[in-house]
Amino acid sequence: MSGLCGRYICVDDVDNWPSGMTDEERLDVVLKVEALIDRVTRTRWTTETFDCRLNGNDRDRIFLPLDADVLAVTAVEVNGAALDAAWYAHDAVSVYRAVDVPGSGALFPRGYNNIRVVGLYGVAAVPAWVRQVAVVLVRAHNEPSLYPTAYFDSESIGDYSYRRGDEEHPTGIVEADKWLRLHQRRRTRLAAP
């Protein structure tokens, strides 16, 4: 039991490591696979903190340019002054005015990097399918003939070679790609210019 873990799986979750690999080499493979999952799905599957500085848009809603859904907003500052938490609320992609304050202008006045939003984003718990895909990709890395593949482009230059899938098979491992395609982020990031 090594106890070394990435964000989605631990080294001990994989049962086909080649003999002679150190725990650090195994963890490196796990971290690369997790980064691949994030890149293909265009999101993160853990909870992380964010601290965004945004341009004010002279409106009552401001969109946050994050890779995943907003889970909590812990602080909002406008021109360096903290807003009372009762004044704002959030949804999965933005922060907006929660109460109507008579005589006040827009909650987020126009300005350059004058809005600061701090909070949490991602998912509350890593989905089981993400863990499963990570294990499949690491196992396929360790034993390439274990799963059906769908590689379309390959090139060799001396000792260096690579293989690449297409849009339908971004990792080239069919079993992993069917899950990853289902959960790709399709939402566009919006933010004030």
C-alpha atoms as a PDB file:
ATOM      1  CA  MET A   1       0.000   0.000   0.000  1.00  0.00           C
ATOM      2  CA  SER A   2       1.684   3.166  -1.196  1.00  0.00           C
ATOM      3  CA  GLY A   3      -1.017   5.665  -0.220  1.00  0.00           C
ATOM      4  CA  LEU A   4      -0.059   7.937  -3.126  1.00  0.00           C
ATOM      5  CA  CYS A   5      -3.120   9.487  -4.719  1.00  0.00           C
ATOM      6  CA  GLY A   6      -4.043  11.910  -7.440  1.00  0.00           C
ATOM      7  CA  ARG A   7      -7.294  13.844  -7.417  1.00  0.00           C
ATOM      8  CA  TYR A   8      -9.420  10.952  -8.765  1.00  0.00           C
ATOM      9  CA  ILE A   9      -7.658   7.678  -8.004  1.00  0.00           C
ATOM     10  CA  CYS A  10      -4.792   6.269  -5.968  1.00  0.00           C
ATOM     11  CA  VAL A  11      -1.851   4.266  -7.244  1.00  0.00           C
ATOM     12  CA  ASP A  12      -3.261   1.236  -5.379  1.00  0.00           C
ATOM     13  CA  ASP A  13      -6.516   1.369  -7.409  1.00  0.00           C
ATOM     14  CA  VAL A  14      -4.651  -0.025 -10.441  1.00  0.00           C
ATOM     15  CA  ASP A  15      -3.808  -3.726 -10.470  1.00  0.00           C
ATOM     16  CA  ASN A  16      -1.479  -4.115 -13.463  1.00  0.00           C
ATOM     17  CA  TRP A  17       1.593  -1.978 -12.754  1.00  0.00           C
ATOM     18  CA  PRO A  18       4.737  -3.270 -14.464  1.00  0.00           C
ATOM     19  CA  SER A  19       7.315  -4.612 -12.046  1.00  0.00           C
ATOM     20  CA  GLY A  20      10.174  -2.276 -11.297  1.00  0.00           C
ATOM     21  CA  MET A  21       8.150   0.972 -11.402  1.00  0.00           C
ATOM     22  CA  THR A  22       8.636   3.209  -8.399  1.00  0.00           C
ATOM     23  CA  ASP A  23       5.668   4.718  -6.588  1.00  0.00           C
ATOM     24  CA  GLU A  24       6.644   8.155  -7.910  1.00  0.00           C
ATOM     25  CA  GLU A  25       6.612   6.851 -11.517  1.00  0.00           C
ATOM     26  CA  ARG A  26       3.199   5.291 -10.882  1.00  0.00           C
ATOM     27  CA  LEU A  27       1.871   8.541  -9.424  1.00  0.00           C
ATOM     28  CA  ASP A  28       3.221  10.423 -12.453  1.00  0.00           C
ATOM     29  CA  VAL A  29       1.150   8.178 -14.761  1.00  0.00           C
ATOM     30  CA  VAL A  30      -1.956   8.694 -12.601  1.00  0.00           C
ATOM     31  CA  LEU A  31      -1.526  12.494 -12.680  1.00  0.00           C
ATOM     32  CA  LYS A  32      -1.050  12.517 -16.473  1.00  0.00           C
ATOM     33  CA  VAL A  33      -4.211  10.435 -16.959  1.00  0.00           C
ATOM     34  CA  GLU A  34      -6.190  12.749 -14.665  1.00  0.00           C
ATOM     35  CA  ALA A  35      -4.959  15.776 -16.626  1.00  0.00           C
ATOM     36  CA  LEU A  36      -6.043  14.039 -19.839  1.00  0.00           C
ATOM     37  CA  ILE A  37      -9.552  13.485 -18.435  1.00  0.00           C
ATOM     38  CA  ASP A  38      -9.786  17.180 -17.514  1.00  0.00           C
ATOM     39  CA  ARG A  39      -8.540  18.262 -20.940  1.00  0.00           C
ATOM     40  CA  VAL A  40     -10.930  15.995 -22.883  1.00  0.00           C
ATOM     41  CA  THR A  41     -14.009  16.878 -20.781  1.00  0.00           C
ATOM     42  CA  ARG A  42     -12.985  20.559 -20.494  1.00  0.00           C
ATOM     43  CA  THR A  43     -13.788  20.616 -16.773  1.00  0.00           C
ATOM     44  CA  ARG A  44     -12.540  19.495 -13.354  1.00  0.00           C
ATOM     45  CA  TRP A  45     -14.152  16.720 -11.361  1.00  0.00           C
ATOM     46  CA  THR A  46     -13.107  17.841  -7.863  1.00  0.00           C
ATOM     47  CA  THR A  47     -13.858  20.803  -5.605  1.00  0.00           C
ATOM     48  CA  GLU A  48     -11.336  23.632  -5.881  1.00  0.00           C
ATOM     49  CA  THR A  49     -11.095  27.226  -4.744  1.00  0.00           C
ATOM     50  CA  PHE A  50     -11.201  30.169  -7.121  1.00  0.00           C
ATOM     51  CA  ASP A  51     -10.248  33.823  -6.770  1.00  0.00           C
ATOM     52  CA  CYS A  52     -11.308  35.787  -9.869  1.00  0.00           C
ATOM     53  CA  ARG A  53     -10.659  39.409 -10.741  1.00  0.00           C
ATOM     54  CA  LEU A  54     -13.098  40.608 -13.377  1.00  0.00           C
ATOM     55  CA  ASN A  55     -13.958  43.750 -15.264  1.00  0.00           C
ATOM     56  CA  GLY A  56     -17.188  45.310 -14.023  1.00  0.00           C
ATOM     57  CA  ASN A  57     -19.932  45.358 -16.662  1.00  0.00           C
ATOM     58  CA  ASP A  58     -22.323  47.982 -15.210  1.00  0.00           C
ATOM     59  CA  ARG A  59     -24.977  45.313 -14.621  1.00  0.00           C
ATOM     60  CA  ASP A  60     -26.416  43.245 -11.783  1.00  0.00           C
ATOM     61  CA  ARG A  61     -24.982  39.915 -12.991  1.00  0.00           C
ATOM     62  CA  ILE A  62     -21.405  38.960 -13.751  1.00  0.00           C
ATOM     63  CA  PHE A  63     -20.341  35.695 -15.371  1.00  0.00           C
ATOM     64  CA  LEU A  64     -17.351  33.794 -13.984  1.00  0.00           C
ATOM     65  CA  PRO A  65     -14.883  32.291 -16.510  1.00  0.00           C
ATOM     66  CA  LEU A  66     -14.451  28.931 -14.763  1.00  0.00           C
ATOM     67  CA  ASP A  67     -14.001  25.390 -16.103  1.00  0.00           C
ATOM     68  CA  ALA A  68     -16.698  23.960 -13.837  1.00  0.00           C
ATOM     69  CA  ASP A  69     -19.852  24.948 -11.981  1.00  0.00           C
ATOM     70  CA  VAL A  70     -19.751  27.416  -9.091  1.00  0.00           C
ATOM     71  CA  LEU A  71     -20.522  25.593  -5.829  1.00  0.00           C
ATOM     72  CA  ALA A  72     -20.167  28.468  -3.351  1.00  0.00           C
ATOM     73  CA  VAL A  73     -19.266  32.153  -3.296  1.00  0.00           C
ATOM     74  CA  THR A  74     -17.552  33.175  -0.071  1.00  0.00           C
ATOM     75  CA  ALA A  75     -16.694  36.802  -0.868  1.00  0.00           C
ATOM     76  CA  VAL A  76     -17.425  39.509  -3.419  1.00  0.00           C
ATOM     77  CA  GLU A  77     -15.534  42.810  -3.534  1.00  0.00           C
ATOM     78  CA  VAL A  78     -16.394  45.827  -5.666  1.00  0.00           C
ATOM     79  CA  ASN A  79     -13.657  48.445  -6.035  1.00  0.00           C
ATOM     80  CA  GLY A  80     -11.928  46.924  -2.985  1.00  0.00           C
ATOM     81  CA  ALA A  81     -14.993  47.049  -0.699  1.00  0.00           C
ATOM     82  CA  ALA A  82     -16.566  43.795   0.479  1.00  0.00           C
ATOM     83  CA  LEU A  83     -20.253  43.337  -0.328  1.00  0.00           C
ATOM     84  CA  ASP A  84     -22.617  42.088   2.352  1.00  0.00           C
ATOM     85  CA  ALA A  85     -23.427  38.436   1.575  1.00  0.00           C
ATOM     86  CA  ALA A  86     -27.153  39.283   1.638  1.00  0.00           C
ATOM     87  CA  TRP A  87     -26.691  41.470  -1.470  1.00  0.00           C
ATOM     88  CA  TYR A  88     -25.616  38.693  -3.850  1.00  0.00           C
ATOM     89  CA  ALA A  89     -26.416  35.117  -4.823  1.00  0.00           C
ATOM     90  CA  HIS A  90     -24.943  32.763  -7.384  1.00  0.00           C
ATOM     91  CA  ASP A  91     -25.903  30.091  -9.853  1.00  0.00           C
ATOM     92  CA  ALA A  92     -23.653  27.612 -11.679  1.00  0.00           C
ATOM     93  CA  VAL A  93     -22.010  30.255 -13.895  1.00  0.00           C
ATOM     94  CA  SER A  94     -22.519  33.705 -12.380  1.00  0.00           C
ATOM     95  CA  VAL A  95     -22.957  35.995  -9.381  1.00  0.00           C
ATOM     96  CA  TYR A  96     -25.980  38.307  -9.333  1.00  0.00           C
ATOM     97  CA  ARG A  97     -27.887  40.817  -7.194  1.00  0.00           C
ATOM     98  CA  ALA A  98     -30.018  38.956  -4.651  1.00  0.00           C
ATOM     99  CA  VAL A  99     -31.941  41.881  -3.184  1.00  0.00           C
ATOM    100  CA  ASP A 100     -33.344  45.058  -4.634  1.00  0.00           C
ATOM    101  CA  VAL A 101     -31.715  48.047  -2.952  1.00  0.00           C
ATOM    102  CA  PRO A 102     -33.605  51.314  -3.627  1.00  0.00           C
ATOM    103  CA  GLY A 103     -31.540  54.065  -5.199  1.00  0.00           C
ATOM    104  CA  SER A 104     -28.510  51.896  -5.938  1.00  0.00           C
ATOM    105  CA  GLY A 105     -26.939  51.550  -9.357  1.00  0.00           C
ATOM    106  CA  ALA A 106     -25.654  48.387 -10.945  1.00  0.00           C
ATOM    107  CA  LEU A 107     -24.117  45.929  -8.483  1.00  0.00           C
ATOM    108  CA  PHE A 108     -21.015  45.533 -10.681  1.00  0.00           C
ATOM    109  CA  PRO A 109     -20.013  49.027 -11.916  1.00  0.00           C
ATOM    110  CA  ARG A 110     -17.921  49.314 -15.060  1.00  0.00           C
ATOM    111  CA  GLY A 111     -14.179  49.154 -14.400  1.00  0.00           C
ATOM    112  CA  TYR A 112     -10.970  47.282 -15.073  1.00  0.00           C
ATOM    113  CA  ASN A 113     -10.425  44.310 -12.713  1.00  0.00           C
ATOM    114  CA  ASN A 114     -12.572  46.087 -10.125  1.00  0.00           C
ATOM    115  CA  ILE A 115     -14.627  43.005  -9.189  1.00  0.00           C
ATOM    116  CA  ARG A 116     -13.195  40.175  -7.078  1.00  0.00           C
ATOM    117  CA  VAL A 117     -15.115  36.955  -6.483  1.00  0.00           C
ATOM    118  CA  VAL A 118     -13.833  34.169  -4.209  1.00  0.00           C
ATOM    119  CA  GLY A 119     -15.388  30.748  -3.702  1.00  0.00           C
ATOM    120  CA  LEU A 120     -15.492  27.061  -4.623  1.00  0.00           C
ATOM    121  CA  TYR A 121     -16.113  25.421  -7.967  1.00  0.00           C
ATOM    122  CA  GLY A 122     -16.142  21.923  -9.453  1.00  0.00           C
ATOM    123  CA  VAL A 123     -18.173  19.002  -8.142  1.00  0.00           C
ATOM    124  CA  ALA A 124     -18.924  18.067  -4.540  1.00  0.00           C
ATOM    125  CA  ALA A 125     -17.743  14.456  -5.004  1.00  0.00           C
ATOM    126  CA  VAL A 126     -15.746  12.781  -7.772  1.00  0.00           C
ATOM    127  CA  PRO A 127     -18.230  10.821  -9.922  1.00  0.00           C
ATOM    128  CA  ALA A 128     -17.756   7.050 -10.012  1.00  0.00           C
ATOM    129  CA  TRP A 129     -17.448   7.071 -13.811  1.00  0.00           C
ATOM    130  CA  VAL A 130     -14.443   9.449 -13.578  1.00  0.00           C
ATOM    131  CA  ARG A 131     -12.675   7.041 -11.247  1.00  0.00           C
ATOM    132  CA  GLN A 132     -13.528   4.149 -13.558  1.00  0.00           C
ATOM    133  CA  VAL A 133     -12.218   5.964 -16.658  1.00  0.00           C
ATOM    134  CA  ALA A 134      -8.999   6.923 -14.841  1.00  0.00           C
ATOM    135  CA  VAL A 135      -8.368   3.291 -13.886  1.00  0.00           C
ATOM    136  CA  VAL A 136      -9.088   2.122 -17.465  1.00  0.00           C
ATOM    137  CA  LEU A 137      -6.682   4.690 -18.938  1.00  0.00           C
ATOM    138  CA  VAL A 138      -3.881   3.813 -16.488  1.00  0.00           C
ATOM    139  CA  ARG A 139      -4.399   0.089 -17.054  1.00  0.00           C
ATOM    140  CA  ALA A 140      -4.305   0.687 -20.841  1.00  0.00           C
ATOM    141  CA  HIS A 141      -1.100   2.695 -20.402  1.00  0.00           C
ATOM    142  CA  ASN A 142       0.462  -0.207 -18.519  1.00  0.00           C
ATOM    143  CA  GLU A 143      -0.778  -2.895 -20.938  1.00  0.00           C
ATOM    144  CA  PRO A 144      -1.703  -1.406 -24.358  1.00  0.00           C
ATOM    145  CA  SER A 145      -3.349  -4.597 -25.677  1.00  0.00           C
ATOM    146  CA  LEU A 146      -5.827  -4.772 -22.758  1.00  0.00           C
ATOM    147  CA  TYR A 147      -8.608  -2.645 -24.327  1.00  0.00           C
ATOM    148  CA  PRO A 148      -9.806  -2.046 -27.897  1.00  0.00           C
ATOM    149  CA  THR A 149      -8.216   1.071 -29.385  1.00  0.00           C
ATOM    150  CA  ALA A 150      -9.164   3.578 -32.076  1.00  0.00           C
ATOM    151  CA  TYR A 151      -5.980   5.387 -33.064  1.00  0.00           C
ATOM    152  CA  PHE A 152      -5.999   7.138 -36.406  1.00  0.00           C
ATOM    153  CA  ASP A 153      -2.836   9.250 -36.627  1.00  0.00           C
ATOM    154  CA  SER A 154       0.621   7.951 -35.810  1.00  0.00           C
ATOM    155  CA  GLU A 155       4.147   8.995 -36.584  1.00  0.00           C
ATOM    156  CA  SER A 156       7.617   7.701 -35.796  1.00  0.00           C
ATOM    157  CA  ILE A 157      10.825   9.706 -35.940  1.00  0.00           C
ATOM    158  CA  GLY A 158      13.785   7.638 -34.814  1.00  0.00           C
ATOM    159  CA  ASP A 159      13.078   6.410 -31.281  1.00  0.00           C
ATOM    160  CA  TYR A 160      10.196   8.867 -30.816  1.00  0.00           C
ATOM    161  CA  SER A 161       6.659   7.851 -31.760  1.00  0.00           C
ATOM    162  CA  TYR A 162       3.130   8.914 -30.916  1.00  0.00           C
ATOM    163  CA  ARG A 163      -0.443   7.907 -31.630  1.00  0.00           C
ATOM    164  CA  ARG A 164      -3.456  10.189 -31.594  1.00  0.00           C
ATOM    165  CA  GLY A 165      -7.187   9.561 -31.719  1.00  0.00           C
ATOM    166  CA  ASP A 166      -9.772  11.762 -33.407  1.00  0.00           C
ATOM    167  CA  GLU A 167     -12.622  13.848 -31.955  1.00  0.00           C
ATOM    168  CA  GLU A 168     -14.752  10.764 -31.418  1.00  0.00           C
ATOM    169  CA  HIS A 169     -11.891   8.895 -29.713  1.00  0.00           C
ATOM    170  CA  PRO A 170      -9.725  11.566 -28.033  1.00  0.00           C
ATOM    171  CA  THR A 171      -7.750   9.101 -25.890  1.00  0.00           C
ATOM    172  CA  GLY A 172      -7.834   6.241 -28.388  1.00  0.00           C
ATOM    173  CA  ILE A 173      -9.191   3.833 -25.744  1.00  0.00           C
ATOM    174  CA  VAL A 174     -12.751   3.020 -26.845  1.00  0.00           C
ATOM    175  CA  GLU A 175     -14.071   2.094 -23.381  1.00  0.00           C
ATOM    176  CA  ALA A 176     -12.856   5.382 -21.851  1.00  0.00           C
ATOM    177  CA  ASP A 177     -13.854   7.561 -24.805  1.00  0.00           C
ATOM    178  CA  LYS A 178     -17.534   6.581 -24.687  1.00  0.00           C
ATOM    179  CA  TRP A 179     -17.754   8.029 -21.143  1.00  0.00           C
ATOM    180  CA  LEU A 180     -15.619  11.074 -21.841  1.00  0.00           C
ATOM    181  CA  ARG A 181     -17.700  12.094 -24.885  1.00  0.00           C
ATOM    182  CA  LEU A 182     -20.886  11.926 -22.807  1.00  0.00           C
ATOM    183  CA  HIS A 183     -19.499  14.333 -20.212  1.00  0.00           C
ATOM    184  CA  GLN A 184     -17.661  16.911 -22.299  1.00  0.00           C
ATOM    185  CA  ARG A 185     -18.365  20.459 -21.248  1.00  0.00           C
ATOM    186  CA  ARG A 186     -20.203  22.229 -24.002  1.00  0.00           C
ATOM    187  CA  ARG A 187     -20.919  25.502 -22.202  1.00  0.00           C
ATOM    188  CA  THR A 188     -19.003  28.542 -23.391  1.00  0.00           C
ATOM    189  CA  ARG A 189     -17.141  30.663 -20.872  1.00  0.00           C
ATOM    190  CA  LEU A 190     -18.570  34.167 -20.628  1.00  0.00           C
ATOM    191  CA  ALA A 191     -16.940  37.200 -19.083  1.00  0.00           C
ATOM    192  CA  ALA A 192     -16.960  40.965 -19.432  1.00  0.00           C
ATOM    193  CA  PRO A 193     -14.408  42.260 -21.956  1.00  0.00           C
END
